[in-house]
Protein backbone atom coordinates (compact mmCIF):
# COMPACT_ATOMS: atom_id res chain seq x y z
CA UNK A 1 24.30 14.77 -7.93
CA UNK A 2 20.20 15.86 -8.23
CA UNK A 3 20.51 19.29 -10.05
CA UNK A 4 16.63 19.89 -9.70
CA UNK A 5 14.02 18.54 -7.31
CA UNK A 6 10.22 19.10 -8.63
CA UNK A 7 8.62 17.33 -5.60
CA UNK A 8 6.83 14.14 -4.59
CA UNK A 9 3.58 12.78 -4.58
CA UNK A 10 1.26 9.97 -3.69
CA UNK A 11 -2.36 9.62 -4.46
CA UNK A 12 -4.76 8.98 -7.20
CA UNK A 13 -5.69 10.75 -10.44
CA UNK A 14 -9.86 11.77 -10.79
CA UNK A 15 -11.11 9.16 -13.69
CA UNK A 16 -13.10 12.17 -15.07
CA UNK A 17 -10.59 15.10 -15.05
CA UNK A 18 -7.11 13.76 -14.01
CA UNK A 19 -6.86 16.19 -11.05
CA UNK A 20 -4.69 14.46 -8.41
CA UNK A 21 -6.09 13.43 -5.13
CA UNK A 22 -4.47 12.79 -1.74
CA UNK A 23 -4.71 9.68 -0.17
CA UNK A 24 -7.40 8.44 1.51
CA UNK A 25 -7.91 9.71 4.99
CA UNK A 26 -10.15 8.64 7.75
CA UNK A 27 -13.28 10.75 6.76
CA UNK A 28 -12.76 8.98 3.30
CA UNK A 29 -12.66 5.59 4.83
CA UNK A 30 -15.44 6.62 7.12
CA UNK A 31 -17.40 7.73 4.13
CA UNK A 32 -16.63 4.97 2.26
CA UNK A 33 -17.93 2.28 5.38
CA UNK A 34 -20.93 4.68 5.59
CA UNK A 35 -22.10 4.41 2.06
CA UNK A 36 -20.65 7.62 0.62
CA UNK A 37 -19.45 7.83 -2.65
CA UNK A 38 -16.07 9.74 -3.42
CA UNK A 39 -16.54 13.11 -5.28
CA UNK A 40 -13.70 15.04 -6.94
CA UNK A 41 -13.39 18.54 -5.60
CA UNK A 42 -12.18 19.67 -9.20
CA UNK A 43 -15.12 18.51 -11.17
CA UNK A 44 -17.62 17.00 -8.91
CA UNK A 45 -18.07 13.53 -10.03
CA UNK A 46 -18.85 11.04 -8.00
CA UNK A 47 -17.46 7.35 -7.68
CA UNK A 48 -16.48 4.56 -5.56
CA UNK A 49 -13.15 4.90 -4.21
CA UNK A 50 -13.41 0.96 -4.01
CA UNK A 51 -13.43 0.80 -8.17
CA UNK A 52 -10.86 3.73 -8.37
CA UNK A 53 -8.34 2.22 -6.48
CA UNK A 54 -8.73 -1.44 -7.61
CA UNK A 55 -8.50 0.36 -11.25
CA UNK A 56 -5.11 1.73 -9.90
CA UNK A 57 -3.86 -1.58 -8.43
CA UNK A 58 -4.50 -3.25 -12.16
CA UNK A 59 -3.16 -0.76 -14.02
CA UNK A 60 -0.13 -1.90 -15.83
CA UNK A 61 1.97 1.67 -16.06
CA UNK A 62 4.85 1.37 -14.13
CA UNK A 63 4.77 5.44 -13.53
CA UNK A 64 2.00 5.08 -11.58
CA UNK A 65 1.69 1.89 -9.31
CA UNK A 66 -1.29 1.17 -7.15
CA UNK A 67 0.97 1.37 -4.49
CA UNK A 68 1.16 5.15 -4.93
CA UNK A 69 -2.24 5.54 -5.60
CA UNK A 70 -3.45 3.89 -2.01
CA UNK A 71 -0.90 6.06 -0.33
CA UNK A 72 1.67 2.86 0.62
CA UNK A 73 4.50 4.71 -1.72
CA UNK A 74 5.56 7.86 -2.80
CA UNK A 75 6.91 9.17 -6.05
CA UNK A 76 9.60 11.66 -6.56
CA UNK A 77 10.67 13.90 -9.32
CA UNK A 78 14.03 15.68 -9.93
CA UNK A 79 16.65 15.89 -12.50
CA UNK A 80 20.53 15.30 -13.34
CA UNK A 81 22.93 16.47 -15.84
CA UNK A 82 24.94 13.56 -17.58
CA UNK A 83 28.27 15.00 -18.85
CA UNK A 84 29.73 13.17 -22.17
CA UNK A 85 31.82 10.38 -21.29
CA UNK A 86 31.83 11.11 -17.66
CA UNK A 87 30.40 9.40 -14.62
CA UNK A 88 27.63 10.71 -12.53
CA UNK A 89 26.26 9.64 -9.00
CA UNK A 90 22.84 9.61 -8.02
CA UNK A 91 22.16 9.28 -4.33
CA UNK A 92 18.65 9.01 -3.78
CA UNK A 93 18.19 10.60 -0.63
CA UNK A 94 18.95 13.96 -2.44
CA UNK A 95 15.11 12.77 -3.87
CA UNK A 96 13.90 12.80 -0.12
CA UNK A 97 14.18 8.84 -0.28
CA UNK A 98 14.30 7.84 3.43
CA UNK A 99 17.59 5.38 3.85
CA UNK A 100 15.38 2.49 5.30
CA UNK A 101 12.96 2.49 2.36
CA UNK A 102 12.39 -0.27 0.14
CA UNK A 103 12.78 1.24 -3.77
CA UNK A 104 10.42 0.15 -5.77
CA UNK A 105 11.71 1.60 -9.23
CA UNK A 106 13.77 4.19 -10.54
CA UNK A 107 12.82 5.80 -14.12
CA UNK A 108 15.17 7.97 -16.06
CA UNK A 109 13.89 10.06 -19.49
CA UNK A 110 16.96 11.84 -21.26
CA UNK A 111 16.00 15.34 -22.25
CA UNK A 112 17.45 15.63 -25.60
CA UNK A 113 18.40 19.01 -27.63
CA UNK A 114 19.65 20.13 -30.59
CA UNK A 115 22.69 18.94 -30.14
CA UNK A 116 21.85 15.55 -29.77
CA UNK A 117 21.42 13.32 -26.34
CA UNK A 118 23.24 11.19 -23.72
CA UNK A 119 21.80 7.99 -22.78
CA UNK A 120 22.00 7.06 -19.08
CA UNK A 121 24.09 3.59 -19.52
CA UNK A 122 24.68 1.83 -15.74
CA UNK A 123 27.99 1.16 -14.84
CA UNK A 124 27.25 -1.66 -12.78
CA UNK A 125 24.50 -4.01 -13.28
CA UNK A 126 22.79 -6.34 -11.23
CA UNK A 127 20.80 -9.51 -12.70
CA UNK A 128 19.98 -10.81 -9.49
CA UNK A 129 16.59 -10.08 -8.09
CA UNK A 130 17.75 -7.53 -5.17
CA UNK A 131 16.81 -4.52 -3.23
CA UNK A 132 17.19 -1.34 -5.50
CA UNK A 133 20.60 0.36 -4.39
CA UNK A 134 20.31 3.81 -2.90
CA UNK A 135 23.26 4.73 -4.90
CA UNK A 136 23.24 4.59 -8.36
CA UNK A 137 26.10 5.13 -10.97
CA UNK A 138 25.22 6.37 -14.75
CA UNK A 139 27.50 7.39 -17.75
CA UNK A 140 26.49 9.67 -19.94
CA UNK A 141 26.99 7.73 -23.29
CA UNK A 142 26.05 9.47 -26.64
CA UNK A 143 23.78 7.63 -29.08
CA UNK A 144 22.95 10.23 -31.28
CA UNK A 145 24.45 13.68 -32.31
CA UNK A 146 27.03 15.79 -30.48
CA UNK A 147 25.75 16.65 -27.09
CA UNK A 148 28.59 17.73 -24.49
CA UNK A 149 25.69 17.20 -21.46
CA UNK A 150 21.87 16.12 -21.30
CA UNK A 151 19.31 16.74 -18.65
CA UNK A 152 17.79 13.77 -17.32
CA UNK A 153 14.40 13.79 -15.63
CA UNK A 154 14.44 11.06 -12.63
CA UNK A 155 11.46 9.09 -11.39
CA UNK A 156 12.02 7.21 -7.94
CA UNK A 157 9.45 5.40 -6.15
CA UNK A 158 9.44 3.91 -2.55
CA UNK A 159 7.31 2.39 0.11
CA UNK A 160 6.46 4.50 2.87
CA UNK A 161 7.90 3.37 5.98
CA UNK A 162 4.90 2.50 8.52
CA UNK A 163 3.98 1.26 12.07
CA UNK A 164 4.86 -2.30 12.86
CA UNK A 165 1.17 -3.65 13.16
CA UNK A 166 0.81 -2.60 9.05
CA UNK A 167 4.26 -4.15 7.98
CA UNK A 168 2.46 -7.20 6.62
CA UNK A 169 0.20 -5.18 4.40
CA UNK A 170 3.09 -3.17 3.09
CA UNK A 171 4.63 -6.61 2.23
CA UNK A 172 1.81 -7.61 0.51
CA UNK A 173 1.40 -4.64 -1.12
CA UNK A 174 5.22 -4.70 -2.37
CA UNK A 175 4.97 -7.84 -3.32
CA UNK A 176 1.90 -7.49 -5.76
CA UNK A 177 3.60 -4.25 -7.00
CA UNK A 178 6.34 -6.33 -8.03
CA UNK A 179 4.19 -8.67 -10.01
CA UNK A 180 4.66 -11.58 -7.24
CA UNK A 181 0.85 -12.06 -6.79
CA UNK A 182 1.09 -15.35 -5.24
CA UNK A 183 3.46 -14.03 -2.51
CA UNK A 184 1.16 -11.17 -1.82
CA UNK A 185 -1.61 -13.17 -0.50
CA UNK A 186 -0.11 -14.78 3.04
CA UNK A 187 1.00 -11.01 4.16
CA UNK A 188 -2.06 -9.83 3.08
CA UNK A 189 -4.22 -12.02 5.46
CA UNK A 190 -1.89 -11.96 8.24
CA UNK A 191 -2.56 -8.18 8.55
CA UNK A 192 -6.42 -8.74 8.70
CA UNK A 193 -6.03 -11.61 10.92
CA UNK A 194 -3.79 -10.11 13.18
CA UNK A 195 -5.46 -6.72 13.09
CA UNK A 196 -9.01 -8.42 13.66
CA UNK A 197 -7.43 -10.88 16.46
CA UNK A 198 -6.00 -7.67 18.11
CA UNK A 199 -8.78 -5.73 18.23
CA UNK A 200 -10.79 -8.81 20.01
CA UNK A 201 -8.38 -9.56 22.28
CA UNK A 202 -8.29 -6.11 23.72
CA UNK A 203 -12.48 -6.14 23.66
CA UNK A 204 -12.83 -9.66 25.60
CA UNK A 205 -9.76 -9.26 28.07
CA UNK A 206 -11.70 -5.99 29.48
CA UNK A 207 -14.25 -9.23 30.44
CA UNK A 208 -11.66 -12.30 31.03
CA UNK A 209 -8.34 -13.11 31.61
CA UNK A 210 -5.49 -13.54 29.13
CA UNK A 211 -5.37 -17.17 28.90
CA UNK A 212 -8.92 -17.53 28.25
CA UNK A 213 -9.73 -15.27 25.83
CA UNK A 214 -6.41 -16.74 23.70
CA UNK A 215 -8.04 -20.38 24.09
CA UNK A 216 -11.22 -18.47 22.99
CA UNK A 217 -10.03 -16.88 19.64
CA UNK A 218 -7.76 -19.66 19.04
CA UNK A 219 -9.95 -22.60 19.47
CA UNK A 220 -13.58 -21.60 19.42
CA UNK A 221 -13.95 -17.99 17.37
CA UNK A 222 -11.45 -18.83 14.62
CA UNK A 223 -11.43 -15.83 11.51
CA UNK A 224 -14.28 -17.16 10.03
CA UNK A 225 -16.34 -16.96 13.07
CA UNK A 226 -14.67 -13.47 13.98
CA UNK A 227 -15.23 -11.89 10.69
CA UNK A 228 -19.19 -13.18 11.03
CA UNK A 229 -21.31 -13.02 13.39
CA UNK A 230 -18.86 -11.85 16.03
CA UNK A 231 -17.35 -8.82 14.71
CA UNK A 232 -20.46 -7.16 12.92
CA UNK A 233 -22.56 -7.83 16.34
CA UNK A 234 -19.98 -6.09 18.15
CA UNK A 235 -19.73 -2.90 16.22
CA UNK A 236 -23.25 -2.87 15.84
CA UNK A 237 -23.66 -2.28 19.59
CA UNK A 238 -21.21 0.66 19.72
CA UNK A 239 -23.04 1.97 16.31
CA UNK A 240 -19.97 1.55 13.55
CA UNK A 241 -20.99 0.99 10.48
CA UNK A 242 -20.98 -2.46 9.00
CA UNK A 243 -18.25 -4.10 6.70
CA UNK A 244 -20.10 -4.18 3.20
CA UNK A 245 -21.33 -7.37 2.35
CA UNK A 246 -18.80 -7.57 -0.82
CA UNK A 247 -15.80 -6.69 1.46
CA UNK A 248 -16.48 -9.31 4.04
CA UNK A 249 -17.05 -11.60 1.20
CA UNK A 250 -13.50 -10.87 -0.21
CA UNK A 251 -12.01 -11.03 3.07
CA UNK A 252 -13.78 -14.76 3.51
CA UNK A 253 -12.36 -15.33 -0.01
CA UNK A 254 -8.78 -13.64 0.78
CA UNK A 255 -8.50 -16.51 4.11
CA UNK A 256 -9.31 -19.72 1.49
CA UNK A 257 -6.96 -18.32 -1.01
CA UNK A 258 -4.35 -17.83 2.10
CA UNK A 259 -5.16 -21.37 2.43
CA UNK A 260 -4.67 -22.75 -0.71
CA UNK A 261 -1.51 -20.57 -1.44
CA UNK A 262 0.09 -22.02 1.44
CA UNK A 263 -0.81 -25.68 1.68
CA UNK A 264 -1.76 -26.62 -2.22
CA UNK A 265 0.97 -24.07 -4.09
CA UNK A 266 -2.13 -22.80 -6.15
CA UNK A 267 -1.27 -19.77 -8.67
CA UNK A 268 -2.73 -16.49 -7.88
CA UNK A 269 -3.82 -14.13 -11.18
CA UNK A 270 -3.43 -10.34 -11.19
CA UNK A 271 -7.12 -9.85 -11.05
CA UNK A 272 -8.16 -12.29 -7.89
CA UNK A 273 -4.95 -10.58 -5.79
CA UNK A 274 -5.57 -7.16 -6.39
CA UNK A 275 -9.26 -7.82 -5.13
CA UNK A 276 -8.07 -9.56 -1.86
CA UNK A 277 -5.12 -7.10 -1.41
CA UNK A 278 -7.73 -4.19 -1.44
CA UNK A 279 -9.88 -6.01 0.90
CA UNK A 280 -6.85 -6.46 3.02
CA UNK A 281 -6.41 -2.72 2.74
CA UNK A 282 -10.14 -1.70 3.57
CA UNK A 283 -10.77 -4.14 6.31
CA UNK A 284 -7.07 -3.27 7.91
CA UNK A 285 -8.31 0.28 8.04
CA UNK A 286 -11.97 -0.64 8.88
CA UNK A 287 -10.56 -2.12 12.21
CA UNK A 288 -8.13 0.58 12.76
CA UNK A 289 -11.28 3.35 12.34
CA UNK A 290 -13.68 1.65 14.52
CA UNK A 291 -11.95 -0.98 17.10
CA UNK A 292 -11.08 1.71 19.78
CA UNK A 293 -14.84 1.91 20.47
CA UNK A 294 -14.72 -1.45 21.32
CA UNK A 295 -13.34 -0.59 24.46
CA UNK A 296 -15.84 0.05 27.41
CA UNK A 297 -15.45 1.69 31.04
CA UNK A 298 -15.06 -0.98 33.12
CA UNK A 299 -12.67 -2.75 35.28
CA UNK A 300 -10.53 -5.50 33.34
CA UNK A 301 -11.91 -9.13 33.98
CA UNK A 302 -14.00 -8.23 37.09
CA UNK A 303 -16.59 -6.41 35.02
CA UNK A 304 -17.51 -3.67 37.68
CA UNK A 305 -18.30 -0.45 35.82
CA UNK A 306 -15.73 2.53 36.81
CA UNK A 307 -17.41 5.71 38.61
């Protein structure tokens, strides 16, 4: 049982003063795509959110995974009390973890006192790679001194539930967070390809039938042509900021890497995975933020203007 709940957080620390900032919201994404710097509200330092999040993704500290920094995961803190030679149940729901959430990790730190410390040994352990159970059982084992009880801090990190459209992106981020870099590439690519295809499909179906649009996007304007020059031309026409050259290049690189992973089974380094997964994250939100601007007020297929 959780005796004390300290709360939860999601976001990234300022690289200068360490103040925790909330995950990016739509104004932050819009500012990034329009060339604005991220500004810390506490110390006024200016930097690029791309650099901030890339550094977070590459951090080796398991207590601050990059998925938390970009808002894909949440960490919660609490305390349990271990009794000497007795079992203690920890139900993650008491920390606010939704029952359907995928848990990335659970970390326990005993707080020893003058009388020693009890160590939380697990009563049941699994050596296979399986989802983390939401109900955990620990045994208060004495390893130092004669303490009868010990407070233990608990940190649990889980992936946030999201809408179905973003599921491939969450799958990629979870694979990356678990060190499965090669397994992150295909879902990251799918997240961007599906979102881009959806945006363009909705746009062109205002002018042509569904079958013709599907044929055009599948056989004519495939992903490379959709990314350039089709998307930049359409977005320029509605006043949306363009994808940066760097981001467009990383998305093209993601597509190339996806083909190599799928067909050649190449290995993927952490450095490469961090760059293209983050590109998928920004690319997905670019399309989410500005895709609706392409919906013009005309009758479907016929092209006649609505009054």
